[in-house]
Amino acid sequence: MSTPRAASDAGIRAGGAPAGGTIQVAFFGQGGHEPYAGSLSVGMGRLTLRPEPIGPEPIGPVHFSMLGWSAPATACERELLRTLRGPVLDVGCGPGRMLAAAGELGLMAMGVDTSAPAVRLATSRGAAAIHGSIFDPVPHEGGWASVLLLDGNIGIGGNIRVLLERIASLLAPGGQALAEAETPDSLDMAYLAVLEDSAGRASAAFPWARAGAKALAAHAARAGLASVATRTVQGRVFLTLERRV
C-alpha cells in the first residue's frame, strides 16, 4: 500500500517546520483560528481532521465529536480502565473525561495535554493534569504502571515509533499502554494535517499519524513494547502494549 512519507523522514516535528522548508506546524488543533479551543468552550460540535495541503495521496478526513470528548467516559471505557493498574498517565487527556472516570474507580491518574483550555477543563473536574507536550519532562518518569493513548492520540507528533519509544521510557518495567488503533489493520500513514470546525475555521498545520492494529503492533515492537492483547469493543480497537523488562 502506498502511504505518505513519514513525518520524521520529511524532517517535520511538533512546534517546528520541515527541514529546509517554511511550513510552520503546531500542536493538534492549535494556531490559526483555534478551532479546538473554541469547540472546547462550548463542549459540542464536530471537528474534522484533514490533510494539509490536500495532495494526490488518498487520505480521507477523520471526524471527531466534541460532545463525545466532553461527556463522561462510556461504560466500555470504564471496563477498559478496570483492567489497568495505577498510576495511570493519560496522554492527550483533553477535558479530562477519562481522568474523572479513573478517579471514580479509585485509580491514581494524571493527564498531560498541549491545550491549556483542555487542561483547565480537566482540573475543573477535580483531575490532575499538566499543560505541556508528552516529549517534555513528565513527573514520575519510568514509574507509570499504565498509559492511555485513546481517541486518535497515537498520532501525536506524527511519528508513532518515536511516540511509543517515549511512552516506553515513561512506563515502569512490566507497565502497559492501552492504545486505540484504527481500521483497516494495515493502515499506516503520517502527514501534515489541520483541524476544522463545522464553520470551516481551521487550525495551523500539525504533524499527525494514523495506524491500524497490525501496523501499530509493528511500531510498538520497534519501540520496545510487546503487543500482548487486542480487544474490539463497540467497533473500537484497543491494543495492550507492554514494556519489555
C-alpha atoms as a PDB file:
ATOM      1  CA  MET A   1       0.000   0.000   0.000  1.00  0.00           C
ATOM      2  CA  SER A   2       1.360   3.428  -0.910  1.00  0.00           C
ATOM      3  CA  THR A   3       1.372   5.823   2.011  1.00  0.00           C
ATOM      4  CA  PRO A   4       2.593   9.397   2.562  1.00  0.00           C
ATOM      5  CA  ARG A   5       6.205   9.711   3.660  1.00  0.00           C
ATOM      6  CA  ALA A   6       6.532   9.574   7.446  1.00  0.00           C
ATOM      7  CA  ALA A   7       6.714  12.932   9.183  1.00  0.00           C
ATOM      8  CA  SER A   8      10.111  12.085  10.666  1.00  0.00           C
ATOM      9  CA  ASP A   9      11.507  11.337   7.194  1.00  0.00           C
ATOM     10  CA  ALA A  10      10.325  14.736   5.989  1.00  0.00           C
ATOM     11  CA  GLY A  11      12.010  16.460   8.922  1.00  0.00           C
ATOM     12  CA  ILE A  12       8.707  17.538  10.486  1.00  0.00           C
ATOM     13  CA  ARG A  13       8.472  17.974  14.225  1.00  0.00           C
ATOM     14  CA  ALA A  14       5.827  19.315  16.607  1.00  0.00           C
ATOM     15  CA  GLY A  15       6.214  23.050  17.001  1.00  0.00           C
ATOM     16  CA  GLY A  16       8.765  23.254  14.178  1.00  0.00           C
ATOM     17  CA  ALA A  17       8.932  23.045  10.393  1.00  0.00           C
ATOM     18  CA  PRO A  18      10.039  20.676   7.659  1.00  0.00           C
ATOM     19  CA  ALA A  19      13.810  20.619   7.273  1.00  0.00           C
ATOM     20  CA  GLY A  20      14.748  23.253   4.751  1.00  0.00           C
ATOM     21  CA  GLY A  21      11.116  24.336   4.405  1.00  0.00           C
ATOM     22  CA  THR A  22       8.935  27.187   5.583  1.00  0.00           C
ATOM     23  CA  ILE A  23       5.679  25.436   6.603  1.00  0.00           C
ATOM     24  CA  GLN A  24       5.071  26.164  10.269  1.00  0.00           C
ATOM     25  CA  VAL A  25       3.481  23.374  12.256  1.00  0.00           C
ATOM     26  CA  ALA A  26       1.723  23.443  15.591  1.00  0.00           C
ATOM     27  CA  PHE A  27       0.085  21.078  18.058  1.00  0.00           C
ATOM     28  CA  PHE A  28      -3.267  19.349  17.494  1.00  0.00           C
ATOM     29  CA  GLY A  29      -5.984  21.874  16.617  1.00  0.00           C
ATOM     30  CA  GLN A  30      -3.964  24.905  17.707  1.00  0.00           C
ATOM     31  CA  GLY A  31      -2.891  28.027  15.852  1.00  0.00           C
ATOM     32  CA  GLY A  32      -4.850  29.574  13.011  1.00  0.00           C
ATOM     33  CA  HIS A  33      -8.455  30.087  14.077  1.00  0.00           C
ATOM     34  CA  GLU A  34      -8.042  27.840  17.174  1.00  0.00           C
ATOM     35  CA  PRO A  35     -11.000  25.543  16.369  1.00  0.00           C
ATOM     36  CA  TYR A  36     -10.146  23.104  19.163  1.00  0.00           C
ATOM     37  CA  ALA A  37     -10.152  25.740  21.910  1.00  0.00           C
ATOM     38  CA  GLY A  38     -13.361  27.236  20.534  1.00  0.00           C
ATOM     39  CA  SER A  39     -15.140  23.883  20.474  1.00  0.00           C
ATOM     40  CA  LEU A  40     -13.911  23.023  23.957  1.00  0.00           C
ATOM     41  CA  SER A  41     -15.523  26.185  25.290  1.00  0.00           C
ATOM     42  CA  VAL A  42     -18.997  25.030  24.195  1.00  0.00           C
ATOM     43  CA  GLY A  43     -18.438  21.273  24.591  1.00  0.00           C
ATOM     44  CA  MET A  44     -20.165  20.329  21.353  1.00  0.00           C
ATOM     45  CA  GLY A  45     -19.861  20.404  17.594  1.00  0.00           C
ATOM     46  CA  ARG A  46     -17.969  18.361  15.022  1.00  0.00           C
ATOM     47  CA  LEU A  47     -14.285  18.728  14.230  1.00  0.00           C
ATOM     48  CA  THR A  48     -12.690  17.371  11.069  1.00  0.00           C
ATOM     49  CA  LEU A  49      -9.074  16.316  10.651  1.00  0.00           C
ATOM     50  CA  ARG A  50      -7.885  16.624   7.047  1.00  0.00           C
ATOM     51  CA  PRO A  51      -4.529  16.639   5.239  1.00  0.00           C
ATOM     52  CA  GLU A  52      -2.833  19.952   4.521  1.00  0.00           C
ATOM     53  CA  PRO A  53      -2.176  20.557   1.760  1.00  0.00           C
ATOM     54  CA  ILE A  54      -4.555  18.160   0.014  1.00  0.00           C
ATOM     55  CA  GLY A  55      -2.327  16.076  -2.263  1.00  0.00           C
ATOM     56  CA  PRO A  56      -2.602  13.120  -4.629  1.00  0.00           C
ATOM     57  CA  GLU A  57      -2.478  10.533  -1.848  1.00  0.00           C
ATOM     58  CA  PRO A  58      -5.983   9.353  -0.833  1.00  0.00           C
ATOM     59  CA  ILE A  59      -6.062  10.441   2.806  1.00  0.00           C
ATOM     60  CA  GLY A  60      -9.656  10.661   3.960  1.00  0.00           C
ATOM     61  CA  PRO A  61     -10.926  13.048   6.635  1.00  0.00           C
ATOM     62  CA  VAL A  62     -11.468  11.972  10.238  1.00  0.00           C
ATOM     63  CA  HIS A  63     -14.438  13.366  12.159  1.00  0.00           C
ATOM     64  CA  PHE A  64     -14.472  13.924  15.915  1.00  0.00           C
ATOM     65  CA  SER A  65     -17.434  14.693  18.158  1.00  0.00           C
ATOM     66  CA  MET A  66     -16.723  17.290  20.831  1.00  0.00           C
ATOM     67  CA  LEU A  67     -19.790  16.065  22.707  1.00  0.00           C
ATOM     68  CA  GLY A  68     -18.196  12.625  22.962  1.00  0.00           C
ATOM     69  CA  TRP A  69     -14.914  14.107  24.187  1.00  0.00           C
ATOM     70  CA  SER A  70     -16.673  16.265  26.777  1.00  0.00           C
ATOM     71  CA  ALA A  71     -19.182  13.677  28.013  1.00  0.00           C
ATOM     72  CA  PRO A  72     -18.390  11.227  30.830  1.00  0.00           C
ATOM     73  CA  ALA A  73     -16.489   8.048  29.928  1.00  0.00           C
ATOM     74  CA  THR A  74     -18.679   5.343  28.420  1.00  0.00           C
ATOM     75  CA  ALA A  75     -19.417   2.012  30.089  1.00  0.00           C
ATOM     76  CA  CYS A  76     -16.962   0.223  27.778  1.00  0.00           C
ATOM     77  CA  GLU A  77     -14.244   2.770  28.526  1.00  0.00           C
ATOM     78  CA  ARG A  78     -14.778   2.241  32.243  1.00  0.00           C
ATOM     79  CA  GLU A  79     -14.424  -1.512  31.731  1.00  0.00           C
ATOM     80  CA  LEU A  80     -11.119  -0.907  29.969  1.00  0.00           C
ATOM     81  CA  LEU A  81      -9.955   1.281  32.851  1.00  0.00           C
ATOM     82  CA  ARG A  82     -10.758  -1.537  35.274  1.00  0.00           C
ATOM     83  CA  THR A  83      -8.125  -3.666  33.535  1.00  0.00           C
ATOM     84  CA  LEU A  84      -5.385  -1.128  34.333  1.00  0.00           C
ATOM     85  CA  ARG A  85      -3.133  -0.610  37.339  1.00  0.00           C
ATOM     86  CA  GLY A  86      -2.303   2.799  38.728  1.00  0.00           C
ATOM     87  CA  PRO A  87      -0.767   5.208  38.499  1.00  0.00           C
ATOM     88  CA  VAL A  88      -2.212   5.988  35.063  1.00  0.00           C
ATOM     89  CA  LEU A  89      -0.924   8.660  32.674  1.00  0.00           C
ATOM     90  CA  ASP A  90      -3.471   9.901  30.108  1.00  0.00           C
ATOM     91  CA  VAL A  91      -1.567  11.280  27.098  1.00  0.00           C
ATOM     92  CA  GLY A  92      -3.603  13.959  25.325  1.00  0.00           C
ATOM     93  CA  CYS A  93      -6.130  13.945  28.149  1.00  0.00           C
ATOM     94  CA  GLY A  94      -8.327  16.690  26.661  1.00  0.00           C
ATOM     95  CA  PRO A  95     -11.029  17.926  29.032  1.00  0.00           C
ATOM     96  CA  GLY A  96     -10.391  15.013  31.395  1.00  0.00           C
ATOM     97  CA  ARG A  97     -13.272  12.581  30.983  1.00  0.00           C
ATOM     98  CA  MET A  98     -11.023   9.519  31.330  1.00  0.00           C
ATOM     99  CA  LEU A  99      -9.206  11.069  34.285  1.00  0.00           C
ATOM    100  CA  ALA A 100     -12.520  11.679  36.034  1.00  0.00           C
ATOM    101  CA  ALA A 101     -13.575   8.064  35.417  1.00  0.00           C
ATOM    102  CA  ALA A 102     -10.233   6.759  36.676  1.00  0.00           C
ATOM    103  CA  GLY A 103     -10.650   8.736  39.879  1.00  0.00           C
ATOM    104  CA  GLU A 104     -14.141   7.345  40.401  1.00  0.00           C
ATOM    105  CA  LEU A 105     -12.684   3.831  40.042  1.00  0.00           C
ATOM    106  CA  GLY A 106     -10.022   4.541  42.648  1.00  0.00           C
ATOM    107  CA  LEU A 107      -7.121   4.761  40.188  1.00  0.00           C
ATOM    108  CA  MET A 108      -4.456   7.393  40.746  1.00  0.00           C
ATOM    109  CA  ALA A 109      -4.204   9.224  37.413  1.00  0.00           C
ATOM    110  CA  MET A 110      -2.712  12.309  35.784  1.00  0.00           C
ATOM    111  CA  GLY A 111      -3.141  13.784  32.325  1.00  0.00           C
ATOM    112  CA  VAL A 112      -0.913  15.789  30.018  1.00  0.00           C
ATOM    113  CA  ASP A 113      -2.133  17.934  27.131  1.00  0.00           C
ATOM    114  CA  THR A 114      -0.702  20.692  24.927  1.00  0.00           C
ATOM    115  CA  SER A 115      -4.014  22.598  25.069  1.00  0.00           C
ATOM    116  CA  ALA A 116      -4.223  24.989  28.027  1.00  0.00           C
ATOM    117  CA  PRO A 117      -8.056  25.263  27.782  1.00  0.00           C
ATOM    118  CA  ALA A 118      -8.342  21.465  27.849  1.00  0.00           C
ATOM    119  CA  VAL A 119      -6.134  21.239  30.934  1.00  0.00           C
ATOM    120  CA  ARG A 120      -8.209  23.914  32.688  1.00  0.00           C
ATOM    121  CA  LEU A 121     -11.378  21.911  31.994  1.00  0.00           C
ATOM    122  CA  ALA A 122      -9.744  18.717  33.257  1.00  0.00           C
ATOM    123  CA  THR A 123      -8.616  20.314  36.501  1.00  0.00           C
ATOM    124  CA  SER A 124     -12.044  21.915  36.960  1.00  0.00           C
ATOM    125  CA  ARG A 125     -13.357  18.334  37.157  1.00  0.00           C
ATOM    126  CA  GLY A 126     -11.006  17.703  40.042  1.00  0.00           C
ATOM    127  CA  ALA A 127      -8.497  15.768  37.933  1.00  0.00           C
ATOM    128  CA  ALA A 128      -4.717  16.171  37.998  1.00  0.00           C
ATOM    129  CA  ALA A 129      -3.412  17.418  34.639  1.00  0.00           C
ATOM    130  CA  ILE A 130      -0.404  19.350  33.390  1.00  0.00           C
ATOM    131  CA  HIS A 131      -0.032  21.624  30.385  1.00  0.00           C
ATOM    132  CA  GLY A 132       2.728  20.540  28.040  1.00  0.00           C
ATOM    133  CA  SER A 133       3.964  18.063  25.466  1.00  0.00           C
ATOM    134  CA  ILE A 134       4.479  14.390  26.247  1.00  0.00           C
ATOM    135  CA  PHE A 135       8.010  14.906  24.917  1.00  0.00           C
ATOM    136  CA  ASP A 136       8.721  17.414  27.700  1.00  0.00           C
ATOM    137  CA  PRO A 137       9.803  16.196  31.156  1.00  0.00           C
ATOM    138  CA  VAL A 138       6.919  14.449  32.921  1.00  0.00           C
ATOM    139  CA  PRO A 139       6.622  13.655  36.647  1.00  0.00           C
ATOM    140  CA  HIS A 140       7.307  10.051  37.719  1.00  0.00           C
ATOM    141  CA  GLU A 141       9.188   9.117  34.529  1.00  0.00           C
ATOM    142  CA  GLY A 142       9.865   5.396  34.428  1.00  0.00           C
ATOM    143  CA  GLY A 143       7.282   4.741  37.119  1.00  0.00           C
ATOM    144  CA  TRP A 144       3.896   4.798  35.391  1.00  0.00           C
ATOM    145  CA  ALA A 145       2.051   1.478  35.585  1.00  0.00           C
ATOM    146  CA  SER A 146      -0.328   2.379  32.748  1.00  0.00           C
ATOM    147  CA  VAL A 147      -0.506   4.910  29.909  1.00  0.00           C
ATOM    148  CA  LEU A 148      -3.585   5.804  27.850  1.00  0.00           C
ATOM    149  CA  LEU A 149      -3.400   6.651  24.128  1.00  0.00           C
ATOM    150  CA  LEU A 150      -7.057   6.862  23.133  1.00  0.00           C
ATOM    151  CA  ASP A 151      -9.250   8.819  20.693  1.00  0.00           C
ATOM    152  CA  GLY A 152      -6.603   9.013  17.976  1.00  0.00           C
ATOM    153  CA  ASN A 153      -3.805  10.146  20.285  1.00  0.00           C
ATOM    154  CA  ILE A 154      -1.467   7.533  18.808  1.00  0.00           C
ATOM    155  CA  GLY A 155      -0.981  10.195  16.122  1.00  0.00           C
ATOM    156  CA  ILE A 156       0.609  12.767  18.448  1.00  0.00           C
ATOM    157  CA  GLY A 157       3.822  14.152  16.946  1.00  0.00           C
ATOM    158  CA  GLY A 158       3.374  12.478  13.561  1.00  0.00           C
ATOM    159  CA  ASN A 159       5.757   9.570  14.259  1.00  0.00           C
ATOM    160  CA  ILE A 160       4.232   6.578  16.027  1.00  0.00           C
ATOM    161  CA  ARG A 161       7.500   4.768  16.722  1.00  0.00           C
ATOM    162  CA  VAL A 162       9.042   7.868  18.306  1.00  0.00           C
ATOM    163  CA  LEU A 163       5.919   8.438  20.407  1.00  0.00           C
ATOM    164  CA  LEU A 164       5.912   4.818  21.601  1.00  0.00           C
ATOM    165  CA  GLU A 165       9.613   4.983  22.437  1.00  0.00           C
ATOM    166  CA  ARG A 166       8.769   7.951  24.651  1.00  0.00           C
ATOM    167  CA  ILE A 167       5.875   6.018  26.215  1.00  0.00           C
ATOM    168  CA  ALA A 168       8.196   3.072  26.901  1.00  0.00           C
ATOM    169  CA  SER A 169      10.578   5.425  28.740  1.00  0.00           C
ATOM    170  CA  LEU A 170       7.713   6.602  30.962  1.00  0.00           C
ATOM    171  CA  LEU A 171       6.410   3.137  31.866  1.00  0.00           C
ATOM    172  CA  ALA A 172       7.666   1.109  34.802  1.00  0.00           C
ATOM    173  CA  PRO A 173       9.107  -2.333  33.947  1.00  0.00           C
ATOM    174  CA  GLY A 174       6.117  -4.508  33.055  1.00  0.00           C
ATOM    175  CA  GLY A 175       3.926  -1.414  32.667  1.00  0.00           C
ATOM    176  CA  GLN A 176       1.314  -1.300  29.926  1.00  0.00           C
ATOM    177  CA  ALA A 177      -0.004   1.220  27.428  1.00  0.00           C
ATOM    178  CA  LEU A 178      -3.604   0.996  26.234  1.00  0.00           C
ATOM    179  CA  ALA A 179      -3.561   2.325  22.662  1.00  0.00           C
ATOM    180  CA  GLU A 180      -6.514   2.740  20.309  1.00  0.00           C
ATOM    181  CA  ALA A 181      -5.998   1.689  16.684  1.00  0.00           C
ATOM    182  CA  GLU A 182      -7.982   2.409  13.539  1.00  0.00           C
ATOM    183  CA  THR A 183      -9.249   0.156  10.749  1.00  0.00           C
ATOM    184  CA  PRO A 184      -8.131  -1.396   8.480  1.00  0.00           C
ATOM    185  CA  ASP A 185      -5.372  -3.281  10.309  1.00  0.00           C
ATOM    186  CA  SER A 186      -2.705  -2.318   7.764  1.00  0.00           C
ATOM    187  CA  LEU A 187      -3.414   1.438   7.850  1.00  0.00           C
ATOM    188  CA  ASP A 188      -0.108   3.244   8.443  1.00  0.00           C
ATOM    189  CA  MET A 189       0.370   6.864   7.449  1.00  0.00           C
ATOM    190  CA  ALA A 190       1.894  10.120   8.646  1.00  0.00           C
ATOM    191  CA  TYR A 191       1.242  13.566   7.236  1.00  0.00           C
ATOM    192  CA  LEU A 192       0.608  17.238   7.958  1.00  0.00           C
ATOM    193  CA  ALA A 193      -2.996  17.887   8.956  1.00  0.00           C
ATOM    194  CA  VAL A 194      -5.279  20.699  10.019  1.00  0.00           C
ATOM    195  CA  LEU A 195      -8.341  20.612  12.248  1.00  0.00           C
ATOM    196  CA  GLU A 196     -11.501  22.382  11.103  1.00  0.00           C
ATOM    197  CA  ASP A 197     -14.739  23.151  12.894  1.00  0.00           C
ATOM    198  CA  SER A 198     -18.173  22.952  11.271  1.00  0.00           C
ATOM    199  CA  ALA A 199     -17.867  26.583  10.132  1.00  0.00           C
ATOM    200  CA  GLY A 200     -14.653  25.814   8.234  1.00  0.00           C
ATOM    201  CA  ARG A 201     -12.345  27.606  10.680  1.00  0.00           C
ATOM    202  CA  ALA A 202      -9.001  25.794  10.526  1.00  0.00           C
ATOM    203  CA  SER A 203      -6.011  25.403  12.811  1.00  0.00           C
ATOM    204  CA  ALA A 204      -2.390  25.722  11.792  1.00  0.00           C
ATOM    205  CA  ALA A 205      -0.879  22.604  10.222  1.00  0.00           C
ATOM    206  CA  PHE A 206       0.465  19.969  12.605  1.00  0.00           C
ATOM    207  CA  PRO A 207       2.132  16.549  12.140  1.00  0.00           C
ATOM    208  CA  TRP A 208      -0.189  13.594  12.650  1.00  0.00           C
ATOM    209  CA  ALA A 209      -0.204   9.833  12.149  1.00  0.00           C
ATOM    210  CA  ARG A 210      -2.752   7.026  11.913  1.00  0.00           C
ATOM    211  CA  ALA A 211      -2.344   3.268  12.259  1.00  0.00           C
ATOM    212  CA  GLY A 212      -4.385   0.091  12.292  1.00  0.00           C
ATOM    213  CA  ALA A 213      -3.797  -2.725  14.761  1.00  0.00           C
ATOM    214  CA  LYS A 214      -1.238  -4.642  12.673  1.00  0.00           C
ATOM    215  CA  ALA A 215       0.811  -1.545  11.888  1.00  0.00           C
ATOM    216  CA  LEU A 216       0.553  -0.266  15.456  1.00  0.00           C
ATOM    217  CA  ALA A 217       1.848  -3.568  16.838  1.00  0.00           C
ATOM    218  CA  ALA A 218       4.808  -3.392  14.435  1.00  0.00           C
ATOM    219  CA  HIS A 219       5.633   0.171  15.522  1.00  0.00           C
ATOM    220  CA  ALA A 220       5.350  -0.932  19.148  1.00  0.00           C
ATOM    221  CA  ALA A 221       7.779  -3.827  18.654  1.00  0.00           C
ATOM    222  CA  ARG A 222      10.371  -1.444  17.200  1.00  0.00           C
ATOM    223  CA  ALA A 223       9.841   0.822  20.214  1.00  0.00           C
ATOM    224  CA  GLY A 224      10.442  -1.970  22.743  1.00  0.00           C
ATOM    225  CA  LEU A 225       6.781  -2.635  23.552  1.00  0.00           C
ATOM    226  CA  ALA A 226       5.147  -6.038  23.077  1.00  0.00           C
ATOM    227  CA  SER A 227       1.526  -6.260  21.899  1.00  0.00           C
ATOM    228  CA  VAL A 228       0.001  -8.662  24.429  1.00  0.00           C
ATOM    229  CA  ALA A 229      -3.738  -8.247  23.817  1.00  0.00           C
ATOM    230  CA  THR A 230      -6.187  -6.838  21.281  1.00  0.00           C
ATOM    231  CA  ARG A 231      -9.794  -6.017  22.123  1.00  0.00           C
ATOM    232  CA  THR A 232     -12.620  -4.833  19.880  1.00  0.00           C
ATOM    233  CA  VAL A 233     -15.304  -3.064  21.887  1.00  0.00           C
ATOM    234  CA  GLN A 234     -18.300  -1.403  20.205  1.00  0.00           C
ATOM    235  CA  GLY A 235     -16.392  -1.112  16.952  1.00  0.00           C
ATOM    236  CA  ARG A 236     -13.273   0.380  18.561  1.00  0.00           C
ATOM    237  CA  VAL A 237      -9.961  -1.492  18.550  1.00  0.00           C
ATOM    238  CA  PHE A 238      -7.613  -1.359  21.551  1.00  0.00           C
ATOM    239  CA  LEU A 239      -4.131  -2.838  21.899  1.00  0.00           C
ATOM    240  CA  THR A 240      -2.380  -3.522  25.182  1.00  0.00           C
ATOM    241  CA  LEU A 241       1.338  -2.796  24.766  1.00  0.00           C
ATOM    242  CA  GLU A 242       3.692  -3.977  27.489  1.00  0.00           C
ATOM    243  CA  ARG A 243       7.126  -2.640  28.271  1.00  0.00           C
ATOM    244  CA  ARG A 244       9.723  -5.370  27.958  1.00  0.00           C
ATOM    245  CA  VAL A 245      11.743  -5.626  31.148  1.00  0.00           C
END
